[in-house]
Protein backbone atom coordinates (compact mmCIF):
# COMPACT_ATOMS: atom_id res chain seq x y z
CA MET A 1 55.99 0.39 -26.81
CA ALA A 2 53.94 2.37 -28.73
CA ASP A 3 51.34 -0.19 -29.85
CA MET A 4 51.29 -1.27 -25.91
CA THR A 5 50.64 2.39 -25.15
CA LYS A 6 47.57 2.55 -27.49
CA THR A 7 46.24 -0.18 -26.46
CA ALA A 8 46.84 1.19 -22.80
CA ASP A 9 44.92 4.03 -23.57
CA ALA A 10 41.79 2.59 -25.74
CA SER A 11 41.23 0.21 -22.82
CA LYS A 12 41.22 3.18 -20.53
CA GLU A 13 38.33 4.98 -22.96
CA VAL A 14 36.10 1.35 -23.47
CA LYS A 15 35.91 1.32 -19.75
CA PRO A 16 34.04 4.34 -18.94
CA ARG A 17 32.39 4.25 -22.08
CA SER A 18 31.64 0.37 -20.68
CA VAL A 19 29.96 2.10 -17.54
CA ARG A 20 28.20 4.55 -19.53
CA VAL A 21 26.17 2.09 -20.69
CA VAL A 22 25.13 -0.02 -18.16
CA LEU A 23 24.40 2.87 -16.46
CA MET A 24 22.27 3.83 -19.22
CA ALA A 25 20.56 0.28 -18.33
CA LEU A 26 20.15 0.45 -15.35
CA MET A 27 18.55 3.94 -15.41
CA ILE A 28 15.92 2.88 -17.77
CA ALA A 29 14.81 0.08 -15.27
CA MET A 30 14.90 2.46 -12.56
CA LEU A 31 12.86 4.84 -14.47
CA LEU A 32 10.04 2.33 -14.71
CA ALA A 33 9.94 1.73 -11.50
CA MET A 34 9.26 5.35 -10.22
CA LEU A 35 7.67 6.85 -14.04
CA ASP A 36 4.93 3.41 -13.23
CA ASN A 37 3.26 5.41 -9.96
CA MET A 38 3.14 8.73 -11.87
CA ILE A 39 1.50 7.60 -14.89
CA ILE A 40 -1.33 6.09 -13.23
CA GLY A 41 -2.10 8.57 -10.43
CA THR A 42 -3.35 10.64 -13.13
CA ALA A 43 -5.22 7.51 -15.30
CA MET A 44 -6.89 6.64 -12.06
CA PRO A 45 -10.14 8.60 -12.72
CA THR A 46 -10.52 6.90 -15.92
CA ILE A 47 -9.80 3.64 -14.53
CA VAL A 48 -12.45 3.82 -11.96
CA GLY A 49 -15.19 5.17 -14.58
CA GLU A 50 -14.49 2.22 -16.68
CA LEU A 51 -13.90 -0.53 -13.83
CA GLY A 52 -15.91 0.86 -11.23
CA GLY A 53 -14.83 0.26 -7.30
CA LEU A 54 -14.49 3.78 -6.42
CA GLU A 55 -14.32 2.35 -3.37
CA HIS A 56 -11.28 0.29 -3.72
CA LEU A 57 -9.31 3.12 -4.97
CA SER A 58 -6.85 3.62 -2.47
CA TRP A 59 -5.92 -0.22 -3.16
CA VAL A 60 -4.60 0.01 -6.40
CA VAL A 61 -1.94 2.16 -4.84
CA THR A 62 -1.73 0.56 -1.67
CA ALA A 63 -1.10 -3.12 -3.22
CA TYR A 64 1.71 -1.30 -5.48
CA THR A 65 3.49 0.11 -2.11
CA LEU A 66 2.95 -2.63 0.06
CA ALA A 67 4.51 -5.52 -2.53
CA THR A 68 7.30 -3.03 -3.29
CA ALA A 69 8.35 -2.29 0.18
CA ALA A 70 7.71 -6.34 1.62
CA SER A 71 10.32 -7.68 -1.31
CA THR A 72 12.88 -4.93 -1.25
CA PRO A 73 15.30 -7.08 0.68
CA ILE A 74 14.26 -10.53 -0.27
CA TRP A 75 15.19 -8.93 -3.49
CA GLY A 76 18.61 -7.54 -2.35
CA LYS A 77 19.34 -11.22 -0.05
CA ILE A 78 18.78 -13.04 -3.16
CA GLY A 79 21.29 -10.65 -5.52
CA ASP A 80 23.86 -11.51 -2.55
CA MET A 81 23.04 -15.18 -2.54
CA TYR A 82 22.71 -16.29 -5.70
CA GLY A 83 24.16 -13.25 -8.21
CA ARG A 84 23.33 -10.04 -9.12
CA LYS A 85 22.12 -9.88 -12.74
CA GLY A 86 20.24 -12.94 -12.89
CA SER A 87 17.77 -11.48 -9.82
CA PHE A 88 17.65 -7.78 -11.55
CA LEU A 89 16.50 -9.54 -15.22
CA THR A 90 14.07 -11.69 -13.23
CA SER A 91 12.41 -8.31 -10.97
CA ILE A 92 12.29 -6.71 -14.76
CA VAL A 93 10.49 -9.86 -16.04
CA ILE A 94 8.14 -9.75 -13.08
CA PHE A 95 7.39 -6.02 -13.34
CA LEU A 96 6.54 -6.58 -17.09
CA ILE A 97 4.28 -9.42 -16.25
CA GLY A 98 2.50 -7.42 -13.84
CA SER A 99 2.01 -4.40 -16.67
CA VAL A 100 0.83 -6.87 -19.28
CA LEU A 101 -1.75 -8.14 -16.59
CA SER A 102 -2.80 -4.74 -15.17
CA GLY A 103 -3.52 -3.71 -18.66
CA MET A 104 -5.77 -6.64 -19.46
CA ALA A 105 -7.68 -6.17 -15.96
CA GLN A 106 -11.34 -6.73 -16.27
CA ASP A 107 -12.52 -5.50 -12.92
CA MET A 108 -10.75 -3.39 -9.98
CA GLY A 109 -9.86 -6.60 -7.58
CA GLN A 110 -7.81 -7.99 -10.87
CA LEU A 111 -6.26 -4.55 -11.19
CA ILE A 112 -5.45 -4.65 -7.33
CA GLY A 113 -4.04 -8.45 -7.55
CA PHE A 114 -2.08 -7.44 -10.64
CA ARG A 115 -0.26 -4.13 -9.41
CA ALA A 116 0.87 -6.01 -6.23
CA ILE A 117 2.61 -8.42 -9.11
CA GLN A 118 3.73 -4.87 -10.62
CA GLY A 119 5.23 -4.05 -7.09
CA LEU A 120 6.96 -7.16 -6.23
CA GLY A 121 8.97 -6.41 -9.63
CA ALA A 122 9.26 -3.00 -8.64
CA GLY A 123 11.23 -3.63 -5.01
CA GLY A 124 13.67 -5.76 -7.26
CA LEU A 125 14.53 -3.14 -9.81
CA MET A 126 15.41 -0.10 -7.19
CA VAL A 127 17.25 -2.75 -5.38
CA GLY A 128 19.51 -3.93 -8.39
CA VAL A 129 19.96 -0.59 -9.69
CA MET A 130 21.56 0.65 -6.31
CA ALA A 131 23.17 -2.92 -5.55
CA ILE A 132 24.62 -3.17 -9.42
CA ILE A 133 26.58 0.31 -8.90
CA GLY A 134 27.30 -0.76 -5.92
CA ASP A 135 29.30 -3.61 -7.09
CA LEU A 136 30.74 -2.04 -10.25
CA ILE A 137 31.65 1.64 -9.24
CA PRO A 138 33.74 2.54 -6.56
CA PRO A 139 32.22 5.03 -3.81
CA ARG A 140 35.04 7.38 -4.95
CA GLU A 141 34.51 7.26 -8.34
CA ARG A 142 30.41 6.80 -7.93
CA GLY A 143 29.90 10.65 -7.56
CA LYS A 144 30.55 11.30 -11.23
CA TYR A 145 27.36 9.70 -11.90
CA GLN A 146 24.88 10.71 -8.86
CA GLY A 147 23.14 13.62 -11.45
CA MET A 148 22.03 10.52 -13.73
CA MET A 149 20.20 9.22 -10.81
CA ALA A 150 18.93 12.37 -9.60
CA GLY A 151 17.66 13.29 -13.59
CA VAL A 152 16.05 10.12 -13.45
CA MET A 153 14.21 10.91 -10.76
CA ALA A 154 13.22 14.23 -11.58
CA LEU A 155 12.39 13.42 -15.25
CA ALA A 156 9.53 10.89 -13.47
CA MET A 157 7.95 13.32 -11.09
CA ILE A 158 8.13 15.96 -14.08
CA GLY A 159 7.17 14.16 -17.21
CA GLY A 160 4.81 11.59 -15.32
CA PRO A 161 1.76 13.30 -14.93
CA LEU A 162 2.06 14.99 -18.43
CA VAL A 163 2.55 11.46 -20.18
CA GLY A 164 -0.06 9.49 -18.06
CA GLY A 165 -2.46 12.56 -19.03
CA THR A 166 -1.61 12.33 -22.67
CA ILE A 167 -1.79 8.83 -23.15
CA THR A 168 -5.44 7.93 -21.05
CA ASP A 169 -6.53 10.74 -23.37
CA HIS A 170 -4.99 9.55 -26.81
CA MET A 171 -5.11 5.96 -26.45
CA GLY A 172 -6.74 4.72 -23.22
CA TRP A 173 -5.71 4.18 -19.61
CA ARG A 174 -4.61 0.47 -20.42
CA TRP A 175 -1.39 2.12 -21.92
CA SER A 176 -0.29 3.78 -19.24
CA PHE A 177 0.81 -0.02 -18.11
CA TYR A 178 1.52 -0.88 -21.84
CA ILE A 179 4.03 1.71 -21.76
CA ASN A 180 6.07 -0.07 -19.91
CA LEU A 181 6.63 -2.90 -22.35
CA PRO A 182 8.82 -1.31 -24.71
CA LEU A 183 11.03 0.31 -21.77
CA GLY A 184 11.35 -2.99 -20.46
CA ALA A 185 12.36 -4.88 -23.28
CA VAL A 186 15.84 -1.86 -23.93
CA ALA A 187 16.18 -2.44 -20.10
CA LEU A 188 16.26 -6.31 -20.80
CA ALA A 189 18.25 -6.36 -23.50
CA MET A 190 20.76 -3.97 -23.01
CA VAL A 191 22.11 -5.47 -19.37
CA THR A 192 21.77 -9.13 -21.04
CA ALA A 193 24.44 -8.02 -23.56
CA VAL A 194 26.76 -5.44 -21.63
CA LEU A 195 26.45 -6.61 -17.79
CA HIS A 196 28.79 -9.38 -17.14
CA LEU A 197 28.90 -9.74 -13.20
CA PRO A 198 31.06 -12.75 -11.43
CA LYS A 199 28.39 -15.47 -10.62
CA LYS A 200 27.82 -15.93 -7.01
CA LYS A 201 26.64 -19.78 -5.44
CA ALA A 202 25.00 -19.88 -2.69
CA LYS A 203 26.51 -21.22 0.71
CA GLY A 204 23.53 -21.49 2.30
CA LYS A 205 19.19 -21.69 2.27
CA ILE A 206 17.06 -18.22 2.47
CA ASP A 207 15.74 -17.27 5.16
CA TYR A 208 12.25 -17.96 4.67
CA LEU A 209 11.18 -17.72 7.98
CA GLY A 210 12.87 -14.22 9.01
CA ALA A 211 11.54 -13.17 5.38
CA ALA A 212 8.10 -13.25 6.29
CA LEU A 213 8.26 -11.93 9.41
CA LEU A 214 9.81 -8.86 8.25
CA THR A 215 7.27 -9.16 5.47
CA ILE A 216 4.30 -8.94 8.07
CA ALA A 217 6.03 -6.34 9.89
CA ILE A 218 6.74 -4.12 6.74
CA THR A 219 3.12 -4.98 5.50
CA SER A 220 1.39 -4.30 9.14
CA THR A 221 3.48 -0.87 9.36
CA VAL A 222 2.61 0.33 5.92
CA LEU A 223 -1.16 -0.39 6.41
CA VAL A 224 -0.75 1.60 10.10
CA THR A 225 0.29 4.62 7.70
CA THR A 226 -2.07 4.03 5.41
CA TRP A 227 -5.32 3.47 7.02
CA GLY A 228 -4.19 5.49 10.29
CA GLY A 229 -6.41 8.34 10.36
CA THR A 230 -8.66 7.82 7.00
CA GLU A 231 -9.86 4.62 6.55
CA TYR A 232 -9.91 3.64 10.62
CA ALA A 233 -9.29 5.95 13.56
CA TRP A 234 -6.18 6.01 15.22
CA GLY A 235 -7.38 4.60 18.27
CA SER A 236 -9.59 1.75 16.59
CA GLY A 237 -9.37 -1.84 16.76
CA GLU A 238 -8.01 -2.09 13.48
CA VAL A 239 -5.00 0.26 13.92
CA ILE A 240 -4.07 -1.10 17.56
CA GLY A 241 -4.07 -4.37 16.19
CA LEU A 242 -2.06 -3.70 13.02
CA ILE A 243 0.06 -1.94 15.78
CA ILE A 244 0.36 -5.19 17.93
CA VAL A 245 1.21 -7.16 15.16
CA GLY A 246 3.88 -4.94 13.82
CA ILE A 247 5.77 -4.79 17.37
CA VAL A 248 5.75 -8.64 17.75
CA SER A 249 6.93 -9.58 14.41
CA ILE A 250 9.64 -6.83 14.54
CA ALA A 251 10.48 -8.40 18.32
CA ALA A 252 10.35 -11.93 16.41
CA PHE A 253 12.26 -11.26 13.43
CA LEU A 254 14.88 -9.80 15.69
CA TYR A 255 15.61 -12.87 17.09
CA VAL A 256 15.02 -15.23 14.07
CA GLU A 257 17.97 -12.93 12.62
CA THR A 258 20.09 -13.73 15.39
CA LYS A 259 20.08 -17.65 14.73
CA ALA A 260 19.67 -18.05 11.08
CA ALA A 261 22.80 -19.14 9.02
CA GLU A 262 22.08 -16.41 5.95
CA PRO A 263 19.69 -13.87 7.72
CA VAL A 264 18.00 -11.62 4.88
CA MET A 265 18.95 -8.42 6.56
CA PRO A 266 21.84 -8.95 8.46
CA LEU A 267 21.95 -7.47 12.16
CA HIS A 268 25.59 -6.92 11.98
CA ILE A 269 25.36 -4.18 8.92
CA PHE A 270 23.90 -2.05 11.65
CA ARG A 271 27.09 -2.79 13.99
CA SER A 272 28.65 0.21 11.74
CA ARG A 273 27.53 3.52 13.01
CA ASN A 274 27.44 5.10 9.32
CA PHE A 275 25.01 2.80 8.08
CA THR A 276 23.16 3.55 11.08
CA LEU A 277 22.86 6.99 10.76
CA MET A 278 22.80 6.59 6.77
CA SER A 279 18.94 4.50 7.25
CA VAL A 280 18.17 7.48 9.81
CA ILE A 281 18.82 10.20 7.61
CA GLY A 282 17.45 8.25 4.85
CA PHE A 283 14.06 7.60 6.30
CA LEU A 284 14.02 11.30 6.91
CA VAL A 285 14.85 12.10 3.62
CA GLY A 286 11.80 10.16 2.39
CA PHE A 287 9.56 11.62 4.93
CA ALA A 288 10.26 15.06 3.54
CA MET A 289 10.45 14.29 0.17
CA PHE A 290 6.88 12.10 -0.51
CA GLY A 291 5.38 14.74 2.16
CA GLY A 292 6.25 17.23 -0.15
CA VAL A 293 5.77 15.87 -3.32
CA LEU A 294 2.08 14.96 -2.11
CA TYR A 295 1.08 18.41 -0.58
CA LEU A 296 3.29 21.20 -2.70
CA PRO A 297 0.61 20.49 -5.97
CA LEU A 298 -2.29 20.84 -3.36
CA PHE A 299 -1.22 24.13 -2.28
CA GLN A 300 -0.71 25.48 -5.38
CA GLN A 301 -3.96 24.02 -6.86
CA SER A 302 -5.97 24.99 -3.95
CA VAL A 303 -4.69 28.29 -2.92
CA GLN A 304 -2.96 29.37 -5.90
CA GLY A 305 -5.13 28.69 -8.51
CA ALA A 306 -2.57 25.95 -10.83
CA SER A 307 -3.66 23.84 -13.32
CA ALA A 308 -3.80 20.43 -11.99
CA THR A 309 -2.95 18.95 -15.84
CA ASN A 310 0.79 20.46 -15.16
CA SER A 311 0.85 19.34 -11.49
CA GLY A 312 4.25 17.44 -12.21
CA LEU A 313 5.73 21.13 -13.68
CA LEU A 314 4.84 22.62 -10.66
CA LEU A 315 7.40 21.08 -8.75
CA LEU A 316 9.87 22.04 -11.10
CA PRO A 317 11.99 24.16 -8.90
CA MET A 318 12.55 21.48 -6.29
CA LEU A 319 13.10 18.88 -8.84
CA LEU A 320 15.88 20.90 -10.67
CA SER A 321 17.73 22.06 -7.49
CA MET A 322 17.93 18.38 -6.34
CA MET A 323 19.67 17.63 -9.20
CA VAL A 324 21.88 20.30 -10.31
CA VAL A 325 23.10 20.24 -6.33
CA SER A 326 23.18 16.32 -6.51
CA LEU A 327 25.66 16.39 -9.55
CA ILE A 328 27.83 19.02 -7.76
CA ALA A 329 28.22 17.22 -4.27
CA GLY A 330 28.93 13.97 -6.64
CA ARG A 331 31.50 15.90 -8.30
CA ILE A 332 33.29 17.44 -5.37
CA THR A 333 33.33 13.64 -3.59
CA THR A 334 34.98 12.23 -6.76
CA SER A 335 37.57 14.38 -6.32
CA SER A 336 38.08 15.10 -2.92
CA GLY A 337 37.09 12.15 -1.08
CA LYS A 338 35.16 14.25 1.35
CA TYR A 339 31.62 13.34 2.03
CA LYS A 340 30.61 14.91 6.12
CA MET A 341 29.75 18.22 5.07
CA PHE A 342 27.20 17.37 2.80
CA PRO A 343 24.60 15.30 4.87
CA ILE A 344 25.16 18.39 7.69
CA VAL A 345 24.65 21.24 4.79
CA GLY A 346 21.68 18.91 3.49
CA GLY A 347 20.05 18.31 7.13
CA ALA A 348 20.19 22.18 7.41
CA LEU A 349 18.93 22.91 4.10
CA MET A 350 16.10 20.32 4.44
CA VAL A 351 14.93 21.96 7.66
CA VAL A 352 15.00 25.46 6.55
CA GLY A 353 13.27 24.18 3.19
CA LEU A 354 10.31 22.95 5.42
CA PHE A 355 10.16 25.83 7.60
CA LEU A 356 9.92 28.32 4.64
CA LEU A 357 7.22 26.03 3.34
CA ALA A 358 5.67 26.04 6.33
CA THR A 359 5.49 29.88 6.40
CA MET A 360 3.08 29.72 2.76
CA ASP A 361 -0.05 31.25 3.10
CA THR A 362 -2.95 32.54 0.71
CA GLY A 363 -0.84 35.56 0.09
CA THR A 364 2.20 33.65 -0.78
CA THR A 365 3.39 33.98 -4.44
CA ARG A 366 4.24 31.68 -6.87
CA LEU A 367 7.82 32.53 -7.37
CA MET A 368 8.03 32.92 -3.47
CA SER A 369 7.29 29.48 -3.14
CA GLY A 370 9.68 28.23 -5.82
CA VAL A 371 11.91 29.57 -4.11
CA TYR A 372 11.22 27.91 -0.58
CA MET A 373 10.99 24.67 -3.07
CA ALA A 374 14.59 25.20 -4.11
CA VAL A 375 15.61 25.38 -0.50
CA LEU A 376 14.49 21.88 0.09
CA GLY A 377 15.30 20.64 -3.05
CA ALA A 378 19.08 21.82 -2.38
CA GLY A 379 18.65 20.00 1.02
CA LEU A 380 17.58 16.74 -0.70
CA GLY A 381 20.26 17.01 -3.49
CA PHE A 382 23.02 16.61 -1.02
CA LEU A 383 21.33 13.71 1.06
CA MET A 384 19.34 11.69 -1.59
CA GLN A 385 22.38 9.98 -3.34
CA ILE A 386 25.33 10.64 -0.31
CA THR A 387 22.87 8.29 1.98
CA MET A 388 23.24 5.48 -0.36
CA LEU A 389 26.49 5.93 -1.37
CA VAL A 390 27.87 6.22 2.58
CA ALA A 391 25.46 3.23 3.04
CA GLN A 392 27.25 0.64 0.80
CA ASN A 393 30.47 2.17 1.65
CA SER A 394 30.13 0.95 4.96
CA VAL A 395 29.91 -2.42 4.38
CA GLU A 396 31.04 -5.88 3.21
CA MET A 397 31.14 -6.34 -0.18
CA LYS A 398 28.83 -9.50 0.42
CA ASP A 399 26.32 -7.55 2.19
CA MET A 400 26.19 -4.60 -0.96
CA GLY A 401 22.45 -6.25 -1.91
CA VAL A 402 21.49 -6.21 1.58
CA ALA A 403 22.68 -2.65 2.30
CA SER A 404 21.03 -1.24 -0.76
CA SER A 405 17.99 -3.09 0.33
CA SER A 406 18.08 -1.82 3.50
CA ALA A 407 18.59 1.85 2.76
CA THR A 408 15.74 1.81 0.63
CA LEU A 409 13.30 0.13 2.34
CA PHE A 410 14.54 3.01 5.02
CA ARG A 411 13.51 5.50 2.63
CA THR A 412 10.21 4.20 1.46
CA LEU A 413 8.67 3.74 4.88
CA GLY A 414 10.32 7.20 5.63
CA GLY A 415 7.70 8.44 2.68
CA SER A 416 4.92 6.02 4.28
CA PHE A 417 5.06 7.84 7.16
CA GLY A 418 5.72 11.50 6.18
CA VAL A 419 2.57 10.80 4.03
CA ALA A 420 0.69 9.18 6.58
CA LEU A 421 1.36 11.99 9.37
CA MET A 422 1.41 14.67 7.46
CA GLY A 423 -2.05 14.19 5.64
CA SER A 424 -3.79 13.57 9.09
CA LEU A 425 -2.36 16.62 10.47
CA PHE A 426 -3.41 18.19 7.19
CA THR A 427 -6.62 17.45 6.73
CA SER A 428 -7.84 17.78 10.83
CA GLN A 429 -6.35 21.06 9.96
CA VAL A 430 -8.39 21.59 7.12
CA THR A 431 -11.31 20.11 8.69
CA ASP A 432 -10.77 22.74 11.67
CA THR A 433 -10.37 25.76 9.80
CA MET A 434 -13.37 25.33 7.38
CA THR A 435 -15.47 24.49 10.50
CA ASP A 436 -14.74 27.65 12.64
CA ARG A 437 -14.97 29.56 9.27
CA LEU A 438 -18.38 28.37 7.95
CA GLY A 439 -19.82 26.37 10.37
CA PRO A 440 -20.00 22.23 10.44
CA GLU A 441 -22.87 22.00 7.29
CA ALA A 442 -20.83 24.51 4.92
CA ALA A 443 -17.78 22.77 5.90
CA ALA A 444 -19.07 19.51 4.97
CA LYS A 445 -20.47 21.00 1.85
CA ALA A 446 -17.32 22.76 0.77
CA GLY A 447 -14.57 19.52 2.02
CA SER A 448 -16.52 17.60 -0.72
CA ALA A 449 -15.39 19.88 -3.17
CA GLN A 450 -12.18 18.38 -5.59
CA LEU A 451 -9.01 20.07 -4.88
CA ASP A 452 -8.04 21.26 -7.98
CA ALA A 453 -9.02 25.18 -9.71
CA ALA A 454 -11.95 24.61 -11.47
CA SER A 455 -14.22 23.10 -9.04
CA LEU A 456 -13.01 25.74 -6.47
CA ALA A 457 -14.15 28.62 -8.90
CA LYS A 458 -17.62 27.10 -9.14
CA LEU A 459 -17.65 27.76 -5.06
CA PRO A 460 -19.51 30.86 -3.68
CA GLU A 461 -16.40 33.51 -3.12
CA ALA A 462 -16.98 33.29 0.98
CA MET A 463 -16.80 29.67 0.92
CA ARG A 464 -13.86 29.08 -1.43
CA ASP A 465 -11.88 31.76 0.55
CA ALA A 466 -12.62 29.73 3.71
CA TYR A 467 -11.34 26.60 1.71
CA GLN A 468 -8.39 28.80 0.55
CA HIS A 469 -7.14 29.38 4.16
CA ALA A 470 -7.79 26.04 5.49
CA VAL A 471 -5.94 24.00 2.90
CA ALA A 472 -3.40 27.34 3.42
CA ALA A 473 -4.02 26.52 7.30
CA GLY A 474 -3.01 22.44 6.49
CA THR A 475 0.13 23.12 4.47
CA HIS A 476 0.95 25.42 7.30
CA SER A 477 0.86 22.58 9.96
CA ALA A 478 1.96 19.53 7.33
CA PHE A 479 5.41 21.23 6.24
CA LEU A 480 6.00 22.78 10.38
CA LEU A 481 5.73 18.72 11.43
CA GLY A 482 8.26 18.12 8.69
CA ALA A 483 10.41 20.81 9.99
CA ALA A 484 10.51 19.23 13.26
CA ILE A 485 11.23 16.21 12.46
CA ALA A 486 13.78 16.83 9.75
CA VAL A 487 15.88 18.45 12.90
CA LEU A 488 16.94 14.88 13.62
CA GLY A 489 18.43 14.31 10.93
CA PHE A 490 20.42 17.30 10.96
CA VAL A 491 21.50 16.24 14.48
CA ALA A 492 22.35 12.44 13.08
CA ALA A 493 24.72 14.29 10.27
CA TRP A 494 27.05 15.07 12.87
CA PHE A 495 27.94 12.12 13.98
CA VAL A 496 28.62 10.40 10.60
CA LYS A 497 32.08 9.57 10.44
CA GLU A 498 34.41 10.35 7.73
CA VAL A 499 35.56 6.82 6.53
CA PRO A 500 37.58 6.68 3.31
CA LEU A 501 35.78 5.84 -0.04
CA ARG A 502 36.77 2.95 -1.77
CA GLY A 503 38.58 3.71 -4.33
CA ALA A 504 40.61 6.50 -2.98
CA GLY A 505 43.37 4.78 -2.44
CA PRO A 506 44.64 1.21 -0.77
CA ALA A 507 41.52 -0.65 0.93
CA PRO A 508 41.33 -0.22 4.45
CA THR A 509 42.95 -3.06 7.35
CA ALA A 510 40.44 -4.59 9.05
CA GLY A 511 41.33 -2.08 11.99
CA GLY A 512 41.02 1.13 9.99
CA GLY A 513 37.18 1.81 10.48
CA GLU A 514 34.73 1.77 12.82
CA GLY A 515 32.28 -1.39 12.76
CA ASP A 516 31.79 -2.90 9.22
CA GLU A 517 33.21 0.17 7.63
CA GLY A 518 37.35 -0.87 7.63
CA LYS A 519 36.61 -4.26 5.94
CA THR A 520 35.38 -3.62 2.40
CA ALA A 521 37.20 -4.10 -0.45
CA GLN A 522 37.57 -2.47 -3.75
CA ALA A 523 34.74 -3.12 -6.24
CA PRO A 524 35.48 -5.91 -9.06
CA GLN A 525 35.71 -3.31 -11.92
CA GLU A 526 36.60 -5.68 -14.72
CA SER A 527 33.60 -7.35 -14.29
CA ILE A 528 31.86 -4.70 -16.99
CA ALA A 529 31.75 -5.99 -20.62
CA HIS A 530 33.85 -4.35 -22.90
């Protein structure tokens, strides 16, 4: 009897340890996808200096983003149909192949093409991590591990620019891509060795027509947000044409999905009120977070005179706050099973944080801006992982992949819209303010300066003062827009229904929830390797 007790106790000790090993492998893979763009951003000036093609610079990022967004839902469906582990390992291999080819690129055209291959793999990395976690860990227990995911995000955002600068200066820009190989090899080995999931056999064919239409819709949407107001005017034929293509392809996609045997994005998952609300809130989180990540360093470098070299450290108050709050929210969710209050509180803090950031001007100290960032970070911390957790809890286990990919896609699209709309408003306000203060000619001359402290220091005092006021005005407009949009997330959070999390007790019956939320079953814990 004592031996049986010891065996049972040992089993209990092994399982959490096995989960941690699997999660470590998943976090390394997640770090690959998130770290890449942060590292490459720092290396881009050196890359352009060697390869040329400055006019195509934006496509190095756009090609990666487009491929990631377009492939995200497809990876989710492939995982649902053919098995999570195989699709996840494949995405890692594709990402690493893209990394090697990008490091070997001989001109800007090659680099753009190889970055698209990288992006294809990256789409599967993010979805694979979220879906596998959804398979292995019941939502009620998942809160314990939220801090790990928030920590990886913080590490990528803070460490990426620093690592990118160090590698570029001492090893050359090509190693900004090659650095992915050792990390990827570790992730491949660990996932292969310790992750064992039930094999799946597809009952139907992949919805290729739906996948193609969705890809066209996502591509046109991302290009509109990327080009609108920068490469082309919002009213130009190119932008209007892309908008028409996007609307037509979305309408055709919705029609095809109602007829497909295995739709790439089953529309029935949106019958769940919670899933739809989490998709909306996730979109707004992406809008606020990516806008903040882009424009906060601009403000601190241009107005507060901070060094561009440590741009990742400028976000430390926001990222640390986000990580700590995410961990606390996860612990409370695990112990109580309650979560509805977190989207409400998070939505309120996100609105307040963005509004406070909109009040910054040339007299705002770094301490005050740090406090404002911490408020925004707290709001994001309440929302980041909770949105994914509730979305996954709102669907059946067979739809875990498409639920994870859809939630990831909406957050990605939110980021694209946030950067584009806030960017357009920022640029317009900076131009108007400079023109008012200096006149058109002087404004054009100052506007060509780089947004860093070193370049600004070389400007005449009057021009520098005008430029700093212009950037502060642009930041005010951008974050005020963000705050107004975030109000929608706060309102949406009040309509979330607190459906019991799987793992909190007996699985709800078909009539126990609303939409598909009551049809879920507990995740297969025994599939983790011992």
